[in-house]
N, C-alpha and C. Protein backbone atom coordinates (compact mmCIF):
# COMPACT_ATOMS: atom_id res chain seq x y z
N MET A 1 159.18 189.23 -58.97
CA MET A 1 158.84 187.90 -59.43
C MET A 1 159.95 186.94 -59.03
N ARG A 2 159.56 185.79 -58.62
CA ARG A 2 160.48 184.73 -58.22
C ARG A 2 160.61 183.72 -59.35
N LEU A 3 161.84 183.32 -59.65
CA LEU A 3 162.08 182.29 -60.66
C LEU A 3 162.48 180.99 -59.97
N LEU A 4 161.88 179.91 -60.43
CA LEU A 4 162.18 178.60 -59.87
C LEU A 4 162.59 177.66 -60.99
N VAL A 5 163.61 176.87 -60.74
CA VAL A 5 163.96 175.77 -61.62
C VAL A 5 163.64 174.53 -60.82
N VAL A 6 162.62 173.80 -61.25
CA VAL A 6 162.14 172.64 -60.53
C VAL A 6 162.63 171.40 -61.28
N ALA A 7 163.44 170.59 -60.60
CA ALA A 7 164.09 169.48 -61.27
C ALA A 7 164.22 168.28 -60.34
N PRO A 8 164.30 167.09 -60.94
CA PRO A 8 164.46 165.89 -60.11
C PRO A 8 165.91 165.66 -59.70
N GLY A 9 166.14 165.52 -58.42
CA GLY A 9 167.43 165.09 -57.92
C GLY A 9 168.54 166.11 -57.94
N ARG A 10 169.63 165.70 -57.31
CA ARG A 10 170.82 166.53 -57.25
C ARG A 10 171.53 166.52 -58.60
N ILE A 11 172.32 167.54 -58.84
CA ILE A 11 173.18 167.57 -60.02
C ILE A 11 174.42 166.75 -59.67
N GLU A 12 174.64 165.68 -60.39
CA GLU A 12 175.75 164.77 -60.09
C GLU A 12 177.06 165.23 -60.72
N HIS A 13 177.02 165.73 -61.93
CA HIS A 13 178.25 166.09 -62.63
C HIS A 13 178.85 167.32 -61.96
N PRO A 14 180.12 167.23 -61.50
CA PRO A 14 180.70 168.37 -60.76
C PRO A 14 180.80 169.65 -61.59
N GLY A 15 181.06 169.54 -62.88
CA GLY A 15 181.14 170.73 -63.72
C GLY A 15 179.79 171.41 -63.85
N ALA A 16 178.74 170.62 -64.07
CA ALA A 16 177.39 171.18 -64.19
C ALA A 16 176.97 171.80 -62.86
N ARG A 17 177.28 171.12 -61.77
CA ARG A 17 176.93 171.65 -60.44
C ARG A 17 177.64 172.98 -60.18
N ALA A 18 178.92 173.06 -60.55
CA ALA A 18 179.68 174.29 -60.34
C ALA A 18 179.10 175.44 -61.16
N LEU A 19 178.73 175.19 -62.40
CA LEU A 19 178.15 176.25 -63.24
C LEU A 19 176.80 176.72 -62.70
N ILE A 20 175.96 175.78 -62.33
CA ILE A 20 174.64 176.14 -61.80
C ILE A 20 174.79 176.93 -60.50
N ASP A 21 175.67 176.47 -59.62
CA ASP A 21 175.90 177.20 -58.36
C ASP A 21 176.42 178.61 -58.64
N ASP A 22 177.30 178.75 -59.62
CA ASP A 22 177.85 180.06 -59.96
C ASP A 22 176.76 180.99 -60.48
N TYR A 23 175.96 180.53 -61.43
CA TYR A 23 174.88 181.38 -61.95
C TYR A 23 173.86 181.72 -60.87
N ALA A 24 173.52 180.75 -60.03
CA ALA A 24 172.56 181.00 -58.95
C ALA A 24 173.09 182.06 -57.98
N ALA A 25 174.38 181.99 -57.66
CA ALA A 25 174.98 182.97 -56.75
C ALA A 25 175.01 184.36 -57.39
N ARG A 26 175.31 184.43 -58.68
CA ARG A 26 175.33 185.73 -59.36
C ARG A 26 173.94 186.32 -59.48
N LEU A 27 172.93 185.46 -59.56
CA LEU A 27 171.55 185.93 -59.68
C LEU A 27 171.01 186.54 -58.40
N THR A 28 171.50 186.07 -57.27
CA THR A 28 170.94 186.46 -55.97
C THR A 28 170.70 187.96 -55.82
N PRO A 29 171.67 188.82 -56.15
CA PRO A 29 171.39 190.25 -55.98
C PRO A 29 170.50 190.86 -57.07
N LEU A 30 170.24 190.12 -58.13
CA LEU A 30 169.50 190.67 -59.27
C LEU A 30 168.03 190.26 -59.31
N LEU A 31 167.78 189.01 -58.98
CA LEU A 31 166.45 188.45 -59.16
C LEU A 31 166.32 187.22 -58.27
N PRO A 32 165.25 187.11 -57.50
CA PRO A 32 165.10 185.91 -56.67
C PRO A 32 164.94 184.68 -57.57
N ALA A 33 165.85 183.74 -57.40
CA ALA A 33 165.81 182.50 -58.19
C ALA A 33 166.31 181.37 -57.31
N GLU A 34 165.69 180.21 -57.47
CA GLU A 34 166.12 179.06 -56.68
C GLU A 34 165.88 177.77 -57.43
N ARG A 35 166.63 176.77 -57.05
CA ARG A 35 166.46 175.43 -57.60
C ARG A 35 165.66 174.63 -56.59
N VAL A 36 164.56 174.07 -57.04
CA VAL A 36 163.71 173.24 -56.20
C VAL A 36 163.93 171.79 -56.63
N ILE A 37 164.39 170.98 -55.71
CA ILE A 37 164.72 169.60 -56.02
C ILE A 37 163.57 168.70 -55.58
N VAL A 38 163.13 167.83 -56.48
CA VAL A 38 162.12 166.84 -56.12
C VAL A 38 162.79 165.47 -56.08
N LYS A 39 162.18 164.58 -55.37
CA LYS A 39 162.72 163.24 -55.20
C LYS A 39 162.74 162.50 -56.54
N THR A 40 163.83 161.81 -56.78
CA THR A 40 163.91 160.97 -57.97
C THR A 40 163.43 159.57 -57.65
N SER A 41 163.09 158.85 -58.67
CA SER A 41 162.62 157.48 -58.51
C SER A 41 163.68 156.52 -59.02
N ARG A 42 163.74 155.36 -58.40
CA ARG A 42 164.64 154.31 -58.91
C ARG A 42 164.14 153.87 -60.27
N ARG A 43 165.10 153.60 -61.14
CA ARG A 43 164.73 153.26 -62.50
C ARG A 43 165.29 151.89 -62.89
N THR A 44 164.45 151.12 -63.52
CA THR A 44 164.85 149.93 -64.26
C THR A 44 164.09 150.01 -65.56
N ARG A 45 164.42 149.17 -66.49
CA ARG A 45 163.65 149.20 -67.76
C ARG A 45 162.17 148.96 -67.51
N ALA A 46 161.88 148.09 -66.57
CA ALA A 46 160.49 147.75 -66.28
C ALA A 46 159.74 148.88 -65.58
N THR A 47 160.46 149.75 -64.86
CA THR A 47 159.77 150.79 -64.07
C THR A 47 160.01 152.20 -64.62
N GLU A 48 160.61 152.34 -65.79
CA GLU A 48 160.94 153.66 -66.33
C GLU A 48 159.70 154.56 -66.45
N ASP A 49 158.62 154.07 -67.03
CA ASP A 49 157.41 154.88 -67.19
C ASP A 49 156.84 155.29 -65.84
N GLN A 50 156.83 154.35 -64.90
CA GLN A 50 156.32 154.64 -63.57
C GLN A 50 157.17 155.71 -62.88
N ALA A 51 158.49 155.62 -63.02
CA ALA A 51 159.39 156.60 -62.42
C ALA A 51 159.17 157.98 -63.03
N THR A 52 159.01 158.05 -64.35
CA THR A 52 158.78 159.33 -65.02
C THR A 52 157.45 159.94 -64.57
N ARG A 53 156.42 159.12 -64.42
CA ARG A 53 155.13 159.62 -63.94
C ARG A 53 155.25 160.16 -62.51
N ALA A 54 155.96 159.44 -61.65
CA ALA A 54 156.12 159.88 -60.26
C ALA A 54 156.91 161.20 -60.20
N GLU A 55 157.97 161.29 -60.98
CA GLU A 55 158.76 162.53 -60.99
C GLU A 55 157.95 163.69 -61.54
N SER A 56 157.19 163.47 -62.59
CA SER A 56 156.38 164.54 -63.17
C SER A 56 155.34 165.03 -62.17
N ALA A 57 154.70 164.11 -61.45
CA ALA A 57 153.73 164.50 -60.43
C ALA A 57 154.41 165.32 -59.33
N ALA A 58 155.61 164.92 -58.94
CA ALA A 58 156.35 165.64 -57.90
C ALA A 58 156.76 167.04 -58.39
N LEU A 59 157.13 167.16 -59.66
CA LEU A 59 157.50 168.46 -60.22
C LEU A 59 156.31 169.42 -60.16
N LEU A 60 155.14 168.95 -60.56
CA LEU A 60 153.94 169.80 -60.50
C LEU A 60 153.61 170.18 -59.07
N ALA A 61 153.69 169.22 -58.17
CA ALA A 61 153.35 169.48 -56.77
C ALA A 61 154.32 170.47 -56.12
N ALA A 62 155.54 170.56 -56.62
CA ALA A 62 156.55 171.46 -56.04
C ALA A 62 156.36 172.91 -56.46
N CYS A 63 155.52 173.16 -57.45
CA CYS A 63 155.28 174.54 -57.90
C CYS A 63 154.34 175.24 -56.93
N PRO A 64 154.66 176.48 -56.57
CA PRO A 64 153.76 177.20 -55.67
C PRO A 64 152.41 177.49 -56.34
N PRO A 65 151.36 177.61 -55.56
CA PRO A 65 150.06 177.93 -56.14
C PRO A 65 150.13 179.22 -56.96
N GLY A 66 149.52 179.20 -58.11
CA GLY A 66 149.48 180.38 -58.97
C GLY A 66 150.72 180.60 -59.81
N ALA A 67 151.71 179.72 -59.69
CA ALA A 67 152.94 179.88 -60.49
C ALA A 67 152.63 179.68 -61.97
N TRP A 68 153.32 180.43 -62.81
CA TRP A 68 153.26 180.22 -64.26
C TRP A 68 154.28 179.12 -64.54
N ARG A 69 153.78 177.97 -64.97
CA ARG A 69 154.64 176.79 -65.15
C ARG A 69 155.09 176.68 -66.61
N VAL A 70 156.38 176.45 -66.78
CA VAL A 70 156.97 176.33 -68.11
C VAL A 70 157.64 174.96 -68.20
N ALA A 71 157.14 174.12 -69.08
CA ALA A 71 157.74 172.80 -69.29
C ALA A 71 158.88 172.93 -70.28
N LEU A 72 160.05 172.41 -69.92
CA LEU A 72 161.14 172.32 -70.89
C LEU A 72 160.87 171.08 -71.71
N ASP A 73 160.60 171.29 -72.99
CA ASP A 73 160.08 170.21 -73.82
C ASP A 73 160.62 170.36 -75.23
N LEU A 74 161.04 169.27 -75.81
CA LEU A 74 161.57 169.29 -77.17
C LEU A 74 160.56 169.84 -78.18
N GLU A 75 159.28 169.65 -77.89
CA GLU A 75 158.23 170.15 -78.78
C GLU A 75 157.79 171.57 -78.42
N GLY A 76 158.44 172.17 -77.44
CA GLY A 76 158.08 173.52 -77.00
C GLY A 76 158.52 174.58 -77.99
N ARG A 77 158.25 175.81 -77.61
CA ARG A 77 158.58 176.97 -78.45
C ARG A 77 160.06 177.32 -78.32
N PRO A 78 160.78 177.31 -79.43
CA PRO A 78 162.19 177.73 -79.35
C PRO A 78 162.27 179.25 -79.30
N LEU A 79 163.04 179.78 -78.36
CA LEU A 79 163.20 181.22 -78.22
C LEU A 79 164.67 181.57 -78.28
N ASP A 80 165.00 182.67 -78.97
CA ASP A 80 166.36 183.16 -78.85
C ASP A 80 166.43 183.98 -77.56
N SER A 81 167.61 184.49 -77.24
CA SER A 81 167.79 185.20 -75.96
C SER A 81 166.91 186.44 -75.87
N ASP A 82 166.72 187.17 -76.98
CA ASP A 82 165.86 188.36 -76.95
C ASP A 82 164.40 187.99 -76.69
N ALA A 83 163.93 186.93 -77.34
CA ALA A 83 162.55 186.50 -77.14
C ALA A 83 162.34 185.94 -75.73
N PHE A 84 163.36 185.28 -75.19
CA PHE A 84 163.27 184.78 -73.82
C PHE A 84 163.19 185.94 -72.83
N LEU A 85 163.97 186.98 -73.07
CA LEU A 85 163.90 188.20 -72.25
C LEU A 85 162.48 188.77 -72.28
N GLU A 86 161.90 188.87 -73.46
CA GLU A 86 160.55 189.42 -73.58
C GLU A 86 159.52 188.53 -72.91
N PHE A 87 159.70 187.22 -72.99
CA PHE A 87 158.80 186.29 -72.31
C PHE A 87 158.83 186.54 -70.81
N VAL A 88 160.03 186.62 -70.23
CA VAL A 88 160.16 186.84 -68.78
C VAL A 88 159.63 188.23 -68.42
N ARG A 89 159.96 189.23 -69.21
CA ARG A 89 159.47 190.59 -68.95
C ARG A 89 157.94 190.65 -68.98
N ARG A 90 157.33 189.96 -69.93
CA ARG A 90 155.87 189.92 -70.03
C ARG A 90 155.27 189.29 -68.78
N ARG A 91 155.87 188.20 -68.32
CA ARG A 91 155.38 187.55 -67.10
C ARG A 91 155.51 188.50 -65.91
N GLN A 92 156.62 189.22 -65.84
CA GLN A 92 156.85 190.17 -64.76
C GLN A 92 155.84 191.32 -64.83
N ASP A 93 155.64 191.85 -66.03
CA ASP A 93 154.73 192.98 -66.21
C ASP A 93 153.27 192.64 -65.95
N THR A 94 152.91 191.37 -66.10
CA THR A 94 151.52 190.98 -65.87
C THR A 94 151.27 190.51 -64.44
N GLY A 95 152.29 190.67 -63.59
CA GLY A 95 152.11 190.37 -62.17
C GLY A 95 152.32 188.92 -61.78
N THR A 96 152.97 188.15 -62.61
CA THR A 96 153.26 186.77 -62.24
C THR A 96 154.16 186.77 -61.01
N ARG A 97 153.74 186.08 -59.97
CA ARG A 97 154.53 186.05 -58.73
C ARG A 97 155.66 185.05 -58.80
N ALA A 98 155.40 183.92 -59.45
CA ALA A 98 156.43 182.87 -59.56
C ALA A 98 156.41 182.31 -60.97
N LEU A 99 157.58 182.17 -61.54
CA LEU A 99 157.76 181.59 -62.87
C LEU A 99 158.58 180.33 -62.66
N ALA A 100 157.95 179.17 -62.87
CA ALA A 100 158.58 177.89 -62.56
C ALA A 100 158.91 177.14 -63.85
N PHE A 101 160.19 176.85 -64.03
CA PHE A 101 160.66 176.07 -65.17
C PHE A 101 160.81 174.63 -64.71
N LEU A 102 160.11 173.71 -65.38
CA LEU A 102 160.12 172.31 -64.98
C LEU A 102 161.02 171.51 -65.91
N VAL A 103 162.04 170.91 -65.32
CA VAL A 103 163.03 170.14 -66.06
C VAL A 103 162.78 168.66 -65.79
N GLY A 104 162.67 167.88 -66.83
CA GLY A 104 162.46 166.45 -66.66
C GLY A 104 163.74 165.71 -66.33
N GLY A 105 163.58 164.49 -65.88
CA GLY A 105 164.71 163.62 -65.62
C GLY A 105 165.17 162.95 -66.90
N PRO A 106 165.81 161.80 -66.79
CA PRO A 106 166.37 161.13 -67.96
C PRO A 106 165.35 160.80 -69.06
N SER A 107 164.11 160.59 -68.70
CA SER A 107 163.09 160.27 -69.70
C SER A 107 162.16 161.44 -69.99
N GLY A 108 162.54 162.62 -69.51
CA GLY A 108 161.75 163.81 -69.80
C GLY A 108 160.54 163.96 -68.91
N LEU A 109 159.52 164.60 -69.45
CA LEU A 109 158.28 164.90 -68.73
C LEU A 109 157.13 164.12 -69.35
N THR A 110 156.13 163.83 -68.54
CA THR A 110 154.95 163.16 -69.10
C THR A 110 154.14 164.14 -69.93
N ARG A 111 153.39 163.64 -70.86
CA ARG A 111 152.50 164.48 -71.67
C ARG A 111 151.48 165.19 -70.79
N GLU A 112 151.05 164.53 -69.71
CA GLU A 112 150.09 165.15 -68.79
C GLU A 112 150.68 166.38 -68.12
N LEU A 113 151.93 166.29 -67.69
CA LEU A 113 152.58 167.45 -67.07
C LEU A 113 152.72 168.57 -68.09
N VAL A 114 153.17 168.24 -69.27
CA VAL A 114 153.36 169.27 -70.31
C VAL A 114 152.02 169.96 -70.58
N ALA A 115 150.95 169.20 -70.66
CA ALA A 115 149.62 169.78 -70.92
C ALA A 115 149.15 170.67 -69.76
N ALA A 116 149.60 170.38 -68.54
CA ALA A 116 149.19 171.17 -67.37
C ALA A 116 149.94 172.48 -67.25
N CYS A 117 151.00 172.65 -68.01
CA CYS A 117 151.81 173.87 -67.93
C CYS A 117 151.23 174.97 -68.82
N GLU A 118 151.47 176.20 -68.40
CA GLU A 118 150.98 177.36 -69.16
C GLU A 118 151.82 177.61 -70.42
N SER A 119 153.10 177.20 -70.39
CA SER A 119 153.99 177.41 -71.54
C SER A 119 154.90 176.19 -71.70
N ARG A 120 155.41 176.07 -72.92
CA ARG A 120 156.41 175.03 -73.22
C ARG A 120 157.58 175.72 -73.90
N LEU A 121 158.78 175.40 -73.44
CA LEU A 121 160.00 176.01 -73.95
C LEU A 121 160.95 174.94 -74.44
N CYS A 122 161.50 175.15 -75.63
CA CYS A 122 162.51 174.27 -76.18
C CYS A 122 163.85 175.00 -76.13
N LEU A 123 164.80 174.46 -75.36
CA LEU A 123 166.12 175.07 -75.28
C LEU A 123 166.96 174.76 -76.50
N SER A 124 166.70 173.62 -77.12
CA SER A 124 167.45 173.18 -78.29
C SER A 124 166.64 172.09 -78.98
N ARG A 125 166.75 172.01 -80.28
CA ARG A 125 166.11 170.92 -81.01
C ARG A 125 166.85 169.61 -80.78
N MET A 126 168.07 169.70 -80.24
CA MET A 126 168.81 168.50 -79.89
C MET A 126 168.37 168.05 -78.50
N THR A 127 168.37 166.76 -78.28
CA THR A 127 168.08 166.24 -76.96
C THR A 127 169.29 166.50 -76.07
N LEU A 128 169.05 167.16 -74.94
CA LEU A 128 170.12 167.48 -74.00
C LEU A 128 169.97 166.64 -72.73
N PRO A 129 171.06 166.19 -72.16
CA PRO A 129 170.96 165.57 -70.83
C PRO A 129 170.35 166.61 -69.87
N HIS A 130 169.56 166.15 -68.92
CA HIS A 130 168.84 167.11 -68.07
C HIS A 130 169.79 168.03 -67.31
N GLU A 131 170.97 167.56 -66.93
CA GLU A 131 171.91 168.44 -66.23
C GLU A 131 172.42 169.54 -67.14
N LEU A 132 172.69 169.23 -68.39
CA LEU A 132 173.15 170.24 -69.34
C LEU A 132 172.02 171.22 -69.66
N ALA A 133 170.81 170.71 -69.78
CA ALA A 133 169.66 171.60 -70.01
C ALA A 133 169.54 172.61 -68.87
N GLU A 134 169.76 172.16 -67.65
CA GLU A 134 169.70 173.09 -66.52
C GLU A 134 170.78 174.15 -66.58
N VAL A 135 172.00 173.76 -66.97
CA VAL A 135 173.07 174.74 -67.10
C VAL A 135 172.68 175.81 -68.12
N VAL A 136 172.19 175.39 -69.27
CA VAL A 136 171.77 176.34 -70.32
C VAL A 136 170.66 177.24 -69.79
N LEU A 137 169.68 176.66 -69.11
CA LEU A 137 168.57 177.45 -68.57
C LEU A 137 169.05 178.48 -67.55
N TRP A 138 169.90 178.07 -66.61
CA TRP A 138 170.41 179.00 -65.60
C TRP A 138 171.20 180.14 -66.25
N GLU A 139 171.99 179.82 -67.28
CA GLU A 139 172.73 180.88 -67.95
C GLU A 139 171.79 181.87 -68.60
N GLN A 140 170.74 181.37 -69.24
CA GLN A 140 169.79 182.26 -69.90
C GLN A 140 169.00 183.09 -68.89
N ILE A 141 168.67 182.50 -67.75
CA ILE A 141 167.99 183.27 -66.70
C ILE A 141 168.91 184.38 -66.20
N TYR A 142 170.19 184.06 -66.01
CA TYR A 142 171.14 185.08 -65.57
C TYR A 142 171.26 186.18 -66.63
N ARG A 143 171.31 185.80 -67.88
CA ARG A 143 171.40 186.77 -68.98
C ARG A 143 170.18 187.70 -68.95
N VAL A 144 168.99 187.15 -68.76
CA VAL A 144 167.78 187.95 -68.66
C VAL A 144 167.87 188.92 -67.49
N ALA A 145 168.31 188.42 -66.34
CA ALA A 145 168.38 189.28 -65.14
C ALA A 145 169.33 190.45 -65.37
N THR A 146 170.46 190.20 -66.01
CA THR A 146 171.40 191.31 -66.25
C THR A 146 170.80 192.32 -67.23
N ARG A 147 170.10 191.84 -68.21
CA ARG A 147 169.49 192.77 -69.18
C ARG A 147 168.36 193.57 -68.54
N LEU A 148 167.58 192.94 -67.67
CA LEU A 148 166.52 193.66 -66.98
C LEU A 148 167.10 194.77 -66.10
N ARG A 149 168.29 194.57 -65.58
CA ARG A 149 168.96 195.56 -64.72
C ARG A 149 169.88 196.50 -65.48
N GLY A 150 169.99 196.31 -66.80
CA GLY A 150 170.83 197.18 -67.61
C GLY A 150 172.32 196.93 -67.45
N LEU A 151 172.68 195.72 -67.07
CA LEU A 151 174.09 195.36 -66.89
C LEU A 151 174.68 194.81 -68.20
N PRO A 152 175.99 194.88 -68.38
CA PRO A 152 176.59 194.54 -69.67
C PRO A 152 176.89 193.06 -69.92
N TYR A 153 176.51 192.14 -69.06
CA TYR A 153 176.88 190.72 -69.24
C TYR A 153 176.53 190.19 -70.63
N HIS A 154 175.37 190.52 -71.12
CA HIS A 154 174.85 189.91 -72.36
C HIS A 154 175.64 190.25 -73.60
N ARG A 155 176.57 191.20 -73.54
CA ARG A 155 177.32 191.59 -74.74
C ARG A 155 178.44 190.65 -75.01
């Protein structure tokens, strides 16, 4: 199974970029995972909704056909690390070819995108900047990969 983190734009914060690059590199021998970047839209107060709609449409379009899409959403299901492992394992066991996690930009995801996804995941009840949300997600994906392989990272 291939894991995708689909997100708008480059990671600007150097610390967040370094962490994501580190987790992605460590994942390579364990589980195919990649970051798929979609084009961001220019934002002003007047165009914020339009930009969010354009980014959400691009996020959906970037998912491969048949992918199990997971919206990162404040209203999603909160999972601890064990439950997240079981979620990924279940997707793997049922033959899911691609598991795509969709991360919103500064204004999140549209309700239409969230409704189009097969699952919704809440990383925290607190609102996280999208770059920090990605760092947390990549770490949890790495934790899952090590546990699936029986490696000791998760301890």
